[in-house]
PDB file of N, CA and C in Angstrom:
ATOM      1  N   UNK A   1     101.511 -43.810 -87.904  1.00  0.00           N
ATOM      2  CA  UNK A   1     102.334 -43.984 -86.723  1.00  0.00           C
ATOM      3  C   UNK A   1     102.307 -42.687 -85.920  1.00  0.00           C
ATOM      4  N   UNK A   2     102.139 -42.795 -84.628  1.00  0.00           N
ATOM      5  CA  UNK A   2     102.098 -41.615 -83.772  1.00  0.00           C
ATOM      6  C   UNK A   2     103.512 -41.061 -83.576  1.00  0.00           C
ATOM      7  N   UNK A   3     103.571 -39.822 -83.112  1.00  0.00           N
ATOM      8  CA  UNK A   3     104.872 -39.213 -82.829  1.00  0.00           C
ATOM      9  C   UNK A   3     105.626 -39.989 -81.767  1.00  0.00           C
ATOM     10  N   UNK A   4     104.900 -40.493 -80.751  1.00  0.00           N
ATOM     11  CA  UNK A   4     105.554 -41.268 -79.701  1.00  0.00           C
ATOM     12  C   UNK A   4     106.154 -42.552 -80.258  1.00  0.00           C
ATOM     13  N   UNK A   5     105.445 -43.210 -81.164  1.00  0.00           N
ATOM     14  CA  UNK A   5     105.977 -44.433 -81.774  1.00  0.00           C
ATOM     15  C   UNK A   5     107.226 -44.121 -82.593  1.00  0.00           C
ATOM     16  N   UNK A   6     107.185 -43.028 -83.344  1.00  0.00           N
ATOM     17  CA  UNK A   6     108.346 -42.628 -84.141  1.00  0.00           C
ATOM     18  C   UNK A   6     109.527 -42.293 -83.233  1.00  0.00           C
ATOM     19  N   UNK A   7     109.259 -41.587 -82.135  1.00  0.00           N
ATOM     20  CA  UNK A   7     110.328 -41.272 -81.179  1.00  0.00           C
ATOM     21  C   UNK A   7     110.923 -42.546 -80.594  1.00  0.00           C
ATOM     22  N   UNK A   8     110.077 -43.525 -80.283  1.00  0.00           N
ATOM     23  CA  UNK A   8     110.571 -44.795 -79.743  1.00  0.00           C
ATOM     24  C   UNK A   8     111.525 -45.471 -80.726  1.00  0.00           C
ATOM     25  N   UNK A   9     111.184 -45.447 -82.005  1.00  0.00           N
ATOM     26  CA  UNK A   9     112.060 -46.052 -83.018  1.00  0.00           C
ATOM     27  C   UNK A   9     113.397 -45.321 -83.091  1.00  0.00           C
ATOM     28  N   UNK A  10     113.366 -44.012 -82.988  1.00  0.00           N
ATOM     29  CA  UNK A  10     114.613 -43.236 -83.041  1.00  0.00           C
ATOM     30  C   UNK A  10     115.477 -43.538 -81.829  1.00  0.00           C
ATOM     31  N   UNK A  11     114.875 -43.529 -80.642  1.00  0.00           N
ATOM     32  CA  UNK A  11     115.656 -43.818 -79.437  1.00  0.00           C
ATOM     33  C   UNK A  11     116.198 -45.243 -79.458  1.00  0.00           C
ATOM     34  N   UNK A  12     115.411 -46.186 -79.961  1.00  0.00           N
ATOM     35  CA  UNK A  12     115.901 -47.564 -80.096  1.00  0.00           C
ATOM     36  C   UNK A  12     117.094 -47.596 -81.030  1.00  0.00           C
ATOM     37  N   UNK A  13     116.991 -46.895 -82.151  1.00  0.00           N
ATOM     38  CA  UNK A  13     118.082 -46.882 -83.125  1.00  0.00           C
ATOM     39  C   UNK A  13     119.343 -46.264 -82.530  1.00  0.00           C
ATOM     40  N   UNK A  14     119.189 -45.209 -81.765  1.00  0.00           N
ATOM     41  CA  UNK A  14     120.347 -44.539 -81.174  1.00  0.00           C
ATOM     42  C   UNK A  14     120.889 -45.271 -79.950  1.00  0.00           C
ATOM     43  N   UNK A  15     120.165 -46.263 -79.476  1.00  0.00           N
ATOM     44  CA  UNK A  15     120.528 -46.962 -78.251  1.00  0.00           C
ATOM     45  C   UNK A  15     121.649 -47.974 -78.385  1.00  0.00           C
ATOM     46  N   UNK A  16     122.146 -48.222 -79.583  1.00  0.00           N
ATOM     47  CA  UNK A  16     123.202 -49.222 -79.773  1.00  0.00           C
ATOM     48  C   UNK A  16     124.437 -48.556 -80.361  1.00  0.00           C
ATOM     49  N   UNK A  17     125.597 -48.876 -79.785  1.00  0.00           N
ATOM     50  CA  UNK A  17     126.833 -48.198 -80.199  1.00  0.00           C
ATOM     51  C   UNK A  17     127.190 -48.432 -81.660  1.00  0.00           C
ATOM     52  N   UNK A  18     126.899 -49.608 -82.201  1.00  0.00           N
ATOM     53  CA  UNK A  18     127.207 -49.862 -83.616  1.00  0.00           C
ATOM     54  C   UNK A  18     126.368 -48.942 -84.502  1.00  0.00           C
ATOM     55  N   UNK A  19     125.101 -48.775 -84.166  1.00  0.00           N
ATOM     56  CA  UNK A  19     124.253 -47.905 -84.972  1.00  0.00           C
ATOM     57  C   UNK A  19     124.698 -46.448 -84.865  1.00  0.00           C
ATOM     58  N   UNK A  20     125.139 -46.040 -83.683  1.00  0.00           N
ATOM     59  CA  UNK A  20     125.661 -44.674 -83.547  1.00  0.00           C
ATOM     60  C   UNK A  20     126.939 -44.505 -84.373  1.00  0.00           C
ATOM     61  N   UNK A  21     127.781 -45.517 -84.395  1.00  0.00           N
ATOM     62  CA  UNK A  21     129.002 -45.448 -85.220  1.00  0.00           C
ATOM     63  C   UNK A  21     128.643 -45.402 -86.703  1.00  0.00           C
ATOM     64  N   UNK A  22     127.641 -46.167 -87.116  1.00  0.00           N
ATOM     65  CA  UNK A  22     127.204 -46.116 -88.511  1.00  0.00           C
ATOM     66  C   UNK A  22     126.736 -44.713 -88.874  1.00  0.00           C
ATOM     67  N   UNK A  23     125.956 -44.103 -87.996  1.00  0.00           N
ATOM     68  CA  UNK A  23     125.482 -42.742 -88.255  1.00  0.00           C
ATOM     69  C   UNK A  23     126.641 -41.750 -88.321  1.00  0.00           C
ATOM     70  N   UNK A  24     127.625 -41.923 -87.435  1.00  0.00           N
ATOM     71  CA  UNK A  24     128.791 -41.045 -87.465  1.00  0.00           C
ATOM     72  C   UNK A  24     129.513 -41.146 -88.807  1.00  0.00           C
ATOM     73  N   UNK A  25     129.625 -42.352 -89.334  1.00  0.00           N
ATOM     74  CA  UNK A  25     130.275 -42.542 -90.637  1.00  0.00           C
ATOM     75  C   UNK A  25     129.460 -41.912 -91.761  1.00  0.00           C
ATOM     76  N   UNK A  26     128.149 -42.060 -91.690  1.00  0.00           N
ATOM     77  CA  UNK A  26     127.286 -41.531 -92.744  1.00  0.00           C
ATOM     78  C   UNK A  26     127.108 -40.019 -92.642  1.00  0.00           C
ATOM     79  N   UNK A  27     127.498 -39.452 -91.501  1.00  0.00           N
ATOM     80  CA  UNK A  27     127.375 -38.006 -91.311  1.00  0.00           C
ATOM     81  C   UNK A  27     128.280 -37.255 -92.287  1.00  0.00           C
ATOM     82  N   UNK A  28     129.415 -37.833 -92.615  1.00  0.00           N
ATOM     83  CA  UNK A  28     130.368 -37.139 -93.476  1.00  0.00           C
ATOM     84  C   UNK A  28     130.192 -37.464 -94.954  1.00  0.00           C
ATOM     85  N   UNK A  29     129.655 -38.660 -95.250  1.00  0.00           N
ATOM     86  CA  UNK A  29     129.470 -39.051 -96.649  1.00  0.00           C
ATOM     87  C   UNK A  29     128.557 -40.270 -96.736  1.00  0.00           C
ATOM     88  N   UNK A  30     127.911 -40.411 -97.868  1.00  0.00           N
ATOM     89  CA  UNK A  30     127.104 -41.606 -98.127  1.00  0.00           C
ATOM     90  C   UNK A  30     128.045 -42.757 -98.463  1.00  0.00           C
ATOM     91  N   UNK A  31     127.695 -43.950 -97.989  1.00  0.00           N
ATOM     92  CA  UNK A  31     128.535 -45.127 -98.203  1.00  0.00           C
ATOM     93  C   UNK A  31     127.683 -46.306 -98.647  1.00  0.00           C
ATOM     94  N   UNK A  32     128.303 -47.208 -99.390  1.00  0.00           N
ATOM     95  CA  UNK A  32     127.596 -48.427 -99.761  1.00  0.00           C
ATOM     96  C   UNK A  32     127.579 -49.366 -98.562  1.00  0.00           C
ATOM     97  N   UNK A  33     126.680 -50.324 -98.622  1.00  0.00           N
ATOM     98  CA  UNK A  33     126.619 -51.324 -97.551  1.00  0.00           C
ATOM     99  C   UNK A  33     127.935 -52.089 -97.477  1.00  0.00           C
ATOM    100  N   UNK A  34     128.517 -52.389 -98.627  1.00  0.00           N
ATOM    101  CA  UNK A  34     129.807 -53.080 -98.654  1.00  0.00           C
ATOM    102  C   UNK A  34     130.903 -52.281 -97.969  1.00  0.00           C
ATOM    103  N   UNK A  35     130.935 -50.979 -98.225  1.00  0.00           N
ATOM    104  CA  UNK A  35     131.927 -50.112 -97.575  1.00  0.00           C
ATOM    105  C   UNK A  35     131.741 -50.128 -96.066  1.00  0.00           C
ATOM    106  N   UNK A  36     130.483 -50.045 -95.627  1.00  0.00           N
ATOM    107  CA  UNK A  36     130.206 -50.066 -94.191  1.00  0.00           C
ATOM    108  C   UNK A  36     130.618 -51.398 -93.577  1.00  0.00           C
ATOM    109  N   UNK A  37     130.350 -52.481 -94.267  1.00  0.00           N
ATOM    110  CA  UNK A  37     130.752 -53.801 -93.763  1.00  0.00           C
ATOM    111  C   UNK A  37     132.265 -53.879 -93.609  1.00  0.00           C
ATOM    112  N   UNK A  38     132.989 -53.308 -94.555  1.00  0.00           N
ATOM    113  CA  UNK A  38     134.454 -53.315 -94.482  1.00  0.00           C
ATOM    114  C   UNK A  38     134.965 -52.521 -93.282  1.00  0.00           C
ATOM    115  N   UNK A  39     134.213 -51.514 -92.869  1.00  0.00           N
ATOM    116  CA  UNK A  39     134.616 -50.687 -91.728  1.00  0.00           C
ATOM    117  C   UNK A  39     134.282 -51.338 -90.379  1.00  0.00           C
ATOM    118  N   UNK A  40     133.562 -52.445 -90.417  1.00  0.00           N
ATOM    119  CA  UNK A  40     133.196 -53.190 -89.199  1.00  0.00           C
ATOM    120  C   UNK A  40     133.647 -54.646 -89.352  1.00  0.00           C
ATOM    121  N   UNK A  41     134.972 -54.893 -89.386  1.00  0.00           N
ATOM    122  CA  UNK A  41     135.446 -56.261 -89.609  1.00  0.00           C
ATOM    123  C   UNK A  41     135.042 -57.236 -88.499  1.00  0.00           C
ATOM    124  N   UNK A  42     134.699 -56.711 -87.326  1.00  0.00           N
ATOM    125  CA  UNK A  42     134.299 -57.574 -86.213  1.00  0.00           C
ATOM    126  C   UNK A  42     132.873 -58.101 -86.372  1.00  0.00           C
ATOM    127  N   UNK A  43     132.116 -57.544 -87.338  1.00  0.00           N
ATOM    128  CA  UNK A  43     130.723 -57.948 -87.559  1.00  0.00           C
ATOM    129  C   UNK A  43     130.576 -58.604 -88.924  1.00  0.00           C
ATOM    130  N   UNK A  44     129.672 -59.561 -89.012  1.00  0.00           N
ATOM    131  CA  UNK A  44     129.401 -60.137 -90.334  1.00  0.00           C
ATOM    132  C   UNK A  44     128.428 -59.231 -91.089  1.00  0.00           C
ATOM    133  N   UNK A  45     128.337 -59.426 -92.387  1.00  0.00           N
ATOM    134  CA  UNK A  45     127.526 -58.574 -93.257  1.00  0.00           C
ATOM    135  C   UNK A  45     126.056 -58.556 -92.819  1.00  0.00           C
ATOM    136  N   UNK A  46     125.545 -59.701 -92.419  1.00  0.00           N
ATOM    137  CA  UNK A  46     124.149 -59.808 -92.003  1.00  0.00           C
ATOM    138  C   UNK A  46     123.870 -58.912 -90.783  1.00  0.00           C
ATOM    139  N   UNK A  47     124.797 -58.873 -89.839  1.00  0.00           N
ATOM    140  CA  UNK A  47     124.621 -58.054 -88.639  1.00  0.00           C
ATOM    141  C   UNK A  47     124.631 -56.567 -88.993  1.00  0.00           C
ATOM    142  N   UNK A  48     125.561 -56.166 -89.860  1.00  0.00           N
ATOM    143  CA  UNK A  48     125.597 -54.763 -90.286  1.00  0.00           C
ATOM    144  C   UNK A  48     124.284 -54.401 -90.975  1.00  0.00           C
ATOM    145  N   UNK A  49     123.784 -55.291 -91.815  1.00  0.00           N
ATOM    146  CA  UNK A  49     122.530 -55.025 -92.524  1.00  0.00           C
ATOM    147  C   UNK A  49     121.344 -54.947 -91.565  1.00  0.00           C
ATOM    148  N   UNK A  50     121.363 -55.761 -90.510  1.00  0.00           N
ATOM    149  CA  UNK A  50     120.296 -55.676 -89.513  1.00  0.00           C
ATOM    150  C   UNK A  50     120.320 -54.317 -88.811  1.00  0.00           C
ATOM    151  N   UNK A  51     121.520 -53.841 -88.472  1.00  0.00           N
ATOM    152  CA  UNK A  51     121.635 -52.522 -87.841  1.00  0.00           C
ATOM    153  C   UNK A  51     121.159 -51.427 -88.800  1.00  0.00           C
ATOM    154  N   UNK A  52     121.527 -51.538 -90.066  1.00  0.00           N
ATOM    155  CA  UNK A  52     121.057 -50.562 -91.049  1.00  0.00           C
ATOM    156  C   UNK A  52     119.532 -50.609 -91.170  1.00  0.00           C
ATOM    157  N   UNK A  53     118.952 -51.787 -91.053  1.00  0.00           N
ATOM    158  CA  UNK A  53     117.495 -51.924 -91.099  1.00  0.00           C
ATOM    159  C   UNK A  53     116.814 -51.183 -89.963  1.00  0.00           C
ATOM    160  N   UNK A  54     117.386 -51.274 -88.761  1.00  0.00           N
ATOM    161  CA  UNK A  54     116.830 -50.552 -87.614  1.00  0.00           C
ATOM    162  C   UNK A  54     116.923 -49.043 -87.857  1.00  0.00           C
ATOM    163  N   UNK A  55     118.053 -48.599 -88.400  1.00  0.00           N
ATOM    164  CA  UNK A  55     118.223 -47.177 -88.705  1.00  0.00           C
ATOM    165  C   UNK A  55     117.241 -46.714 -89.784  1.00  0.00           C
ATOM    166  N   UNK A  56     116.998 -47.567 -90.770  1.00  0.00           N
ATOM    167  CA  UNK A  56     116.014 -47.237 -91.812  1.00  0.00           C
ATOM    168  C   UNK A  56     114.607 -47.159 -91.234  1.00  0.00           C
ATOM    169  N   UNK A  57     114.256 -48.128 -90.388  1.00  0.00           N
ATOM    170  CA  UNK A  57     112.921 -48.128 -89.779  1.00  0.00           C
ATOM    171  C   UNK A  57     112.670 -46.850 -88.973  1.00  0.00           C
ATOM    172  N   UNK A  58     113.730 -46.306 -88.395  1.00  0.00           N
ATOM    173  CA  UNK A  58     113.620 -45.078 -87.616  1.00  0.00           C
ATOM    174  C   UNK A  58     113.674 -43.836 -88.496  1.00  0.00           C
ATOM    175  N   UNK A  59     113.918 -44.023 -89.782  1.00  0.00           N
ATOM    176  CA  UNK A  59     113.996 -42.893 -90.696  1.00  0.00           C
ATOM    177  C   UNK A  59     115.319 -42.157 -90.660  1.00  0.00           C
ATOM    178  N   UNK A  60     116.332 -42.752 -90.028  1.00  0.00           N
ATOM    179  CA  UNK A  60     117.635 -42.104 -89.911  1.00  0.00           C
ATOM    180  C   UNK A  60     118.543 -42.378 -91.104  1.00  0.00           C
ATOM    181  N   UNK A  61     118.268 -43.445 -91.812  1.00  0.00           N
ATOM    182  CA  UNK A  61     119.052 -43.806 -92.997  1.00  0.00           C
ATOM    183  C   UNK A  61     118.089 -44.042 -94.154  1.00  0.00           C
ATOM    184  N   UNK A  62     118.469 -43.506 -95.299  1.00  0.00           N
ATOM    185  CA  UNK A  62     117.716 -43.726 -96.529  1.00  0.00           C
ATOM    186  C   UNK A  62     118.634 -44.503 -97.461  1.00  0.00           C
ATOM    187  N   UNK A  63     118.137 -45.638 -97.963  1.00  0.00           N
ATOM    188  CA  UNK A  63     118.933 -46.468 -98.859  1.00  0.00           C
ATOM    189  C   UNK A  63     118.507 -46.220-100.301  1.00  0.00           C
ATOM    190  N   UNK A  64     119.501 -46.186-101.166  1.00  0.00           N
ATOM    191  CA  UNK A  64     119.259 -45.971-102.591  1.00  0.00           C
ATOM    192  C   UNK A  64     119.994 -47.060-103.361  1.00  0.00           C
ATOM    193  N   UNK A  65     119.261 -47.769-104.183  1.00  0.00           N
ATOM    194  CA  UNK A  65     119.852 -48.839-104.987  1.00  0.00           C
ATOM    195  C   UNK A  65     120.373 -48.240-106.285  1.00  0.00           C
ATOM    196  N   UNK A  66     121.660 -48.461-106.556  1.00  0.00           N
ATOM    197  CA  UNK A  66     122.281 -48.033-107.815  1.00  0.00           C
ATOM    198  C   UNK A  66     122.961 -49.259-108.419  1.00  0.00           C
ATOM    199  N   UNK A  67     122.311 -49.834-109.389  1.00  0.00           N
ATOM    200  CA  UNK A  67     122.848 -51.072-109.962  1.00  0.00           C
ATOM    201  C   UNK A  67     122.882 -52.154-108.908  1.00  0.00           C
ATOM    202  N   UNK A  68     124.054 -52.708-108.679  1.00  0.00           N
ATOM    203  CA  UNK A  68     124.205 -53.768-107.679  1.00  0.00           C
ATOM    204  C   UNK A  68     124.549 -53.223-106.300  1.00  0.00           C
ATOM    205  N   UNK A  69     124.754 -51.920-106.218  1.00  0.00           N
ATOM    206  CA  UNK A  69     125.158 -51.328-104.951  1.00  0.00           C
ATOM    207  C   UNK A  69     123.968 -50.682-104.246  1.00  0.00           C
ATOM    208  N   UNK A  70     124.068 -50.697-102.928  1.00  0.00           N
ATOM    209  CA  UNK A  70     123.055 -50.067-102.080  1.00  0.00           C
ATOM    210  C   UNK A  70     123.746 -48.946-101.324  1.00  0.00           C
ATOM    211  N   UNK A  71     123.427 -47.708-101.690  1.00  0.00           N
ATOM    212  CA  UNK A  71     124.026 -46.546-101.042  1.00  0.00           C
ATOM    213  C   UNK A  71     123.170 -46.119 -99.862  1.00  0.00           C
ATOM    214  N   UNK A  72     123.828 -45.831 -98.752  1.00  0.00           N
ATOM    215  CA  UNK A  72     123.154 -45.431 -97.520  1.00  0.00           C
ATOM    216  C   UNK A  72     123.443 -43.959 -97.252  1.00  0.00           C
ATOM    217  N   UNK A  73     122.371 -43.201 -97.012  1.00  0.00           N
ATOM    218  CA  UNK A  73     122.463 -41.761 -96.777  1.00  0.00           C
ATOM    219  C   UNK A  73     121.859 -41.441 -95.421  1.00  0.00           C
ATOM    220  N   UNK A  74     122.487 -40.532 -94.699  1.00  0.00           N
ATOM    221  CA  UNK A  74     121.961 -40.073 -93.418  1.00  0.00           C
ATOM    222  C   UNK A  74     120.806 -39.108 -93.648  1.00  0.00           C
ATOM    223  N   UNK A  75     119.741 -39.279 -92.890  1.00  0.00           N
ATOM    224  CA  UNK A  75     118.662 -38.293 -92.828  1.00  0.00           C
ATOM    225  C   UNK A  75     118.636 -37.785 -91.392  1.00  0.00           C
ATOM    226  N   UNK A  76     119.151 -36.596 -91.179  1.00  0.00           N
ATOM    227  CA  UNK A  76     119.290 -36.046 -89.832  1.00  0.00           C
ATOM    228  C   UNK A  76     118.015 -35.389 -89.308  1.00  0.00           C
ATOM    229  N   UNK A  77     116.982 -35.293 -90.122  1.00  0.00           N
ATOM    230  CA  UNK A  77     115.756 -34.623 -89.674  1.00  0.00           C
ATOM    231  C   UNK A  77     115.119 -35.275 -88.445  1.00  0.00           C
ATOM    232  N   UNK A  78     115.069 -36.609 -88.340  1.00  0.00           N
ATOM    233  CA  UNK A  78     114.498 -37.186 -87.111  1.00  0.00           C
ATOM    234  C   UNK A  78     115.295 -36.820 -85.856  1.00  0.00           C
ATOM    235  N   UNK A  79     116.616 -36.731 -85.979  1.00  0.00           N
ATOM    236  CA  UNK A  79     117.425 -36.335 -84.822  1.00  0.00           C
ATOM    237  C   UNK A  79     117.143 -34.873 -84.481  1.00  0.00           C
ATOM    238  N   UNK A  80     116.984 -34.045 -85.490  1.00  0.00           N
ATOM    239  CA  UNK A  80     116.641 -32.641 -85.257  1.00  0.00           C
ATOM    240  C   UNK A  80     115.289 -32.537 -84.542  1.00  0.00           C
ATOM    241  N   UNK A  81     114.336 -33.359 -84.939  1.00  0.00           N
ATOM    242  CA  UNK A  81     113.018 -33.343 -84.288  1.00  0.00           C
ATOM    243  C   UNK A  81     113.137 -33.726 -82.814  1.00  0.00           C
ATOM    244  N   UNK A  82     113.980 -34.716 -82.513  1.00  0.00           N
ATOM    245  CA  UNK A  82     114.216 -35.101 -81.109  1.00  0.00           C
ATOM    246  C   UNK A  82     114.837 -33.930 -80.354  1.00  0.00           C
ATOM    247  N   UNK A  83     115.781 -33.256 -80.982  1.00  0.00           N
ATOM    248  CA  UNK A  83     116.416 -32.097 -80.353  1.00  0.00           C
ATOM    249  C   UNK A  83     115.381 -31.011 -80.055  1.00  0.00           C
ATOM    250  N   UNK A  84     114.538 -30.734 -81.034  1.00  0.00           N
ATOM    251  CA  UNK A  84     113.526 -29.700 -80.860  1.00  0.00           C
ATOM    252  C   UNK A  84     112.539 -30.052 -79.743  1.00  0.00           C
ATOM    253  N   UNK A  85     112.200 -31.327 -79.656  1.00  0.00           N
ATOM    254  CA  UNK A  85     111.188 -31.729 -78.663  1.00  0.00           C
ATOM    255  C   UNK A  85     111.767 -31.859 -77.257  1.00  0.00           C
ATOM    256  N   UNK A  86     112.974 -32.403 -77.147  1.00  0.00           N
ATOM    257  CA  UNK A  86     113.502 -32.711 -75.821  1.00  0.00           C
ATOM    258  C   UNK A  86     114.685 -31.848 -75.424  1.00  0.00           C
ATOM    259  N   UNK A  87     115.734 -31.852 -76.202  1.00  0.00           N
ATOM    260  CA  UNK A  87     116.985 -31.235 -75.783  1.00  0.00           C
ATOM    261  C   UNK A  87     116.862 -29.721 -75.683  1.00  0.00           C
ATOM    262  N   UNK A  88     116.310 -29.088 -76.711  1.00  0.00           N
ATOM    263  CA  UNK A  88     116.178 -27.635 -76.692  1.00  0.00           C
ATOM    264  C   UNK A  88     115.410 -27.117 -75.490  1.00  0.00           C
ATOM    265  N   UNK A  89     114.186 -27.601 -75.258  1.00  0.00           N
ATOM    266  CA  UNK A  89     113.424 -27.107 -74.103  1.00  0.00           C
ATOM    267  C   UNK A  89     114.080 -27.408 -72.750  1.00  0.00           C
ATOM    268  N   UNK A  90     114.685 -28.606 -72.628  1.00  0.00           N
ATOM    269  CA  UNK A  90     115.329 -28.935 -71.355  1.00  0.00           C
ATOM    270  C   UNK A  90     116.581 -28.090 -71.144  1.00  0.00           C
ATOM    271  N   UNK A  91     117.316 -27.815 -72.223  1.00  0.00           N
ATOM    272  CA  UNK A  91     118.497 -26.961 -72.115  1.00  0.00           C
ATOM    273  C   UNK A  91     118.082 -25.544 -71.730  1.00  0.00           C
ATOM    274  N   UNK A  92     117.005 -25.047 -72.321  1.00  0.00           N
ATOM    275  CA  UNK A  92     116.520 -23.706 -71.983  1.00  0.00           C
ATOM    276  C   UNK A  92     116.092 -23.646 -70.523  1.00  0.00           C
ATOM    277  N   UNK A  93     115.429 -24.690 -70.043  1.00  0.00           N
ATOM    278  CA  UNK A  93     115.008 -24.733 -68.640  1.00  0.00           C
ATOM    279  C   UNK A  93     116.234 -24.732 -67.725  1.00  0.00           C
ATOM    280  N   UNK A  94     117.233 -25.545 -68.057  1.00  0.00           N
ATOM    281  CA  UNK A  94     118.441 -25.610 -67.228  1.00  0.00           C
ATOM    282  C   UNK A  94     119.165 -24.267 -67.224  1.00  0.00           C
ATOM    283  N   UNK A  95     119.262 -23.619 -68.373  1.00  0.00           N
ATOM    284  CA  UNK A  95     119.916 -22.317 -68.444  1.00  0.00           C
ATOM    285  C   UNK A  95     119.149 -21.288 -67.616  1.00  0.00           C
ATOM    286  N   UNK A  96     117.829 -21.356 -67.661  1.00  0.00           N
ATOM    287  CA  UNK A  96     117.005 -20.443 -66.870  1.00  0.00           C
ATOM    288  C   UNK A  96     117.255 -20.642 -65.375  1.00  0.00           C
ATOM    289  N   UNK A  97     117.323 -21.897 -64.958  1.00  0.00           N
ATOM    290  CA  UNK A  97     117.568 -22.182 -63.538  1.00  0.00           C
ATOM    291  C   UNK A  97     118.954 -21.687 -63.116  1.00  0.00           C
ATOM    292  N   UNK A  98     119.961 -21.880 -63.952  1.00  0.00           N
ATOM    293  CA  UNK A  98     121.309 -21.411 -63.629  1.00  0.00           C
ATOM    294  C   UNK A  98     121.358 -19.878 -63.588  1.00  0.00           C
ATOM    295  N   UNK A  99     120.642 -19.239 -64.499  1.00  0.00           N
ATOM    296  CA  UNK A  99     120.588 -17.775 -64.507  1.00  0.00           C
ATOM    297  C   UNK A  99     119.946 -17.257 -63.228  1.00  0.00           C
ATOM    298  N   UNK A 100     118.858 -17.910 -62.810  1.00  0.00           N
ATOM    299  CA  UNK A 100     118.175 -17.510 -61.576  1.00  0.00           C
ATOM    300  C   UNK A 100     119.089 -17.721 -60.366  1.00  0.00           C
ATOM    301  N   UNK A 101     119.827 -18.824 -60.353  1.00  0.00           N
ATOM    302  CA  UNK A 101     120.759 -19.098 -59.260  1.00  0.00           C
ATOM    303  C   UNK A 101     121.851 -18.031 -59.216  1.00  0.00           C
ATOM    304  N   UNK A 102     122.415 -17.694 -60.390  1.00  0.00           N
ATOM    305  CA  UNK A 102     123.455 -16.668 -60.436  1.00  0.00           C
ATOM    306  C   UNK A 102     122.908 -15.337 -59.931  1.00  0.00           C
ATOM    307  N   UNK A 103     121.706 -14.998 -60.359  1.00  0.00           N
ATOM    308  CA  UNK A 103     121.085 -13.744 -59.915  1.00  0.00           C
ATOM    309  C   UNK A 103     120.920 -13.741 -58.402  1.00  0.00           C
ATOM    310  N   UNK A 104     120.427 -14.855 -57.859  1.00  0.00           N
ATOM    311  CA  UNK A 104     120.225 -14.952 -56.409  1.00  0.00           C
ATOM    312  C   UNK A 104     121.543 -14.850 -55.652  1.00  0.00           C
ATOM    313  N   UNK A 105     122.607 -15.447 -56.203  1.00  0.00           N
ATOM    314  CA  UNK A 105     123.905 -15.386 -55.529  1.00  0.00           C
ATOM    315  C   UNK A 105     124.539 -14.004 -55.632  1.00  0.00           C
ATOM    316  N   UNK A 106     124.311 -13.307 -56.730  1.00  0.00           N
ATOM    317  CA  UNK A 106     124.892 -11.983 -56.934  1.00  0.00           C
ATOM    318  C   UNK A 106     124.123 -10.879 -56.219  1.00  0.00           C
ATOM    319  N   UNK A 107     122.878 -11.137 -55.832  1.00  0.00           N
ATOM    320  CA  UNK A 107     122.045 -10.143 -55.169  1.00  0.00           C
ATOM    321  C   UNK A 107     122.342 -10.189 -53.676  1.00  0.00           C
ATOM    322  N   UNK A 108     122.783  -9.040 -53.112  1.00  0.00           N
ATOM    323  CA  UNK A 108     123.072  -9.056 -51.667  1.00  0.00           C
ATOM    324  C   UNK A 108     121.796  -9.277 -50.856  1.00  0.00           C
ATOM    325  N   UNK A 109     121.952 -10.069 -49.835  1.00  0.00           N
ATOM    326  CA  UNK A 109     120.807 -10.356 -48.953  1.00  0.00           C
ATOM    327  C   UNK A 109     120.515  -9.142 -48.084  1.00  0.00           C
ATOM    328  N   UNK A 110     119.232  -8.886 -47.897  1.00  0.00           N
ATOM    329  CA  UNK A 110     118.844  -7.773 -47.029  1.00  0.00           C
ATOM    330  C   UNK A 110     118.884  -8.236 -45.589  1.00  0.00           C
ATOM    331  N   UNK A 111     119.349  -7.332 -44.734  1.00  0.00           N
ATOM    332  CA  UNK A 111     119.472  -7.674 -43.318  1.00  0.00           C
ATOM    333  C   UNK A 111     118.223  -7.444 -42.559  1.00  0.00           C
TER     334      UNK A 111
END
């Protein structure tokens, strides 16, 4: 799979509010699928599992089977890769532009 394809899967996974909420929950601790289903009473178990599947396909969630339970763990490395590729460079560019603007405004104009 190319980097662009992997990025597309990550952006797709992050594009839905339920999946973002699932990631927020998994950020603090690993949870079983049953626990996650209980935290989303408005959704049926099948829907929660479909969302977890999208997150797994993107590499954001790693599932571990322990007996009859399926534990879900966050893997933040794909999000870090997105940050490194997009957010970091764009933030640096924006900061550079603001610094240049401040310099231009603070420098007295010559007559």
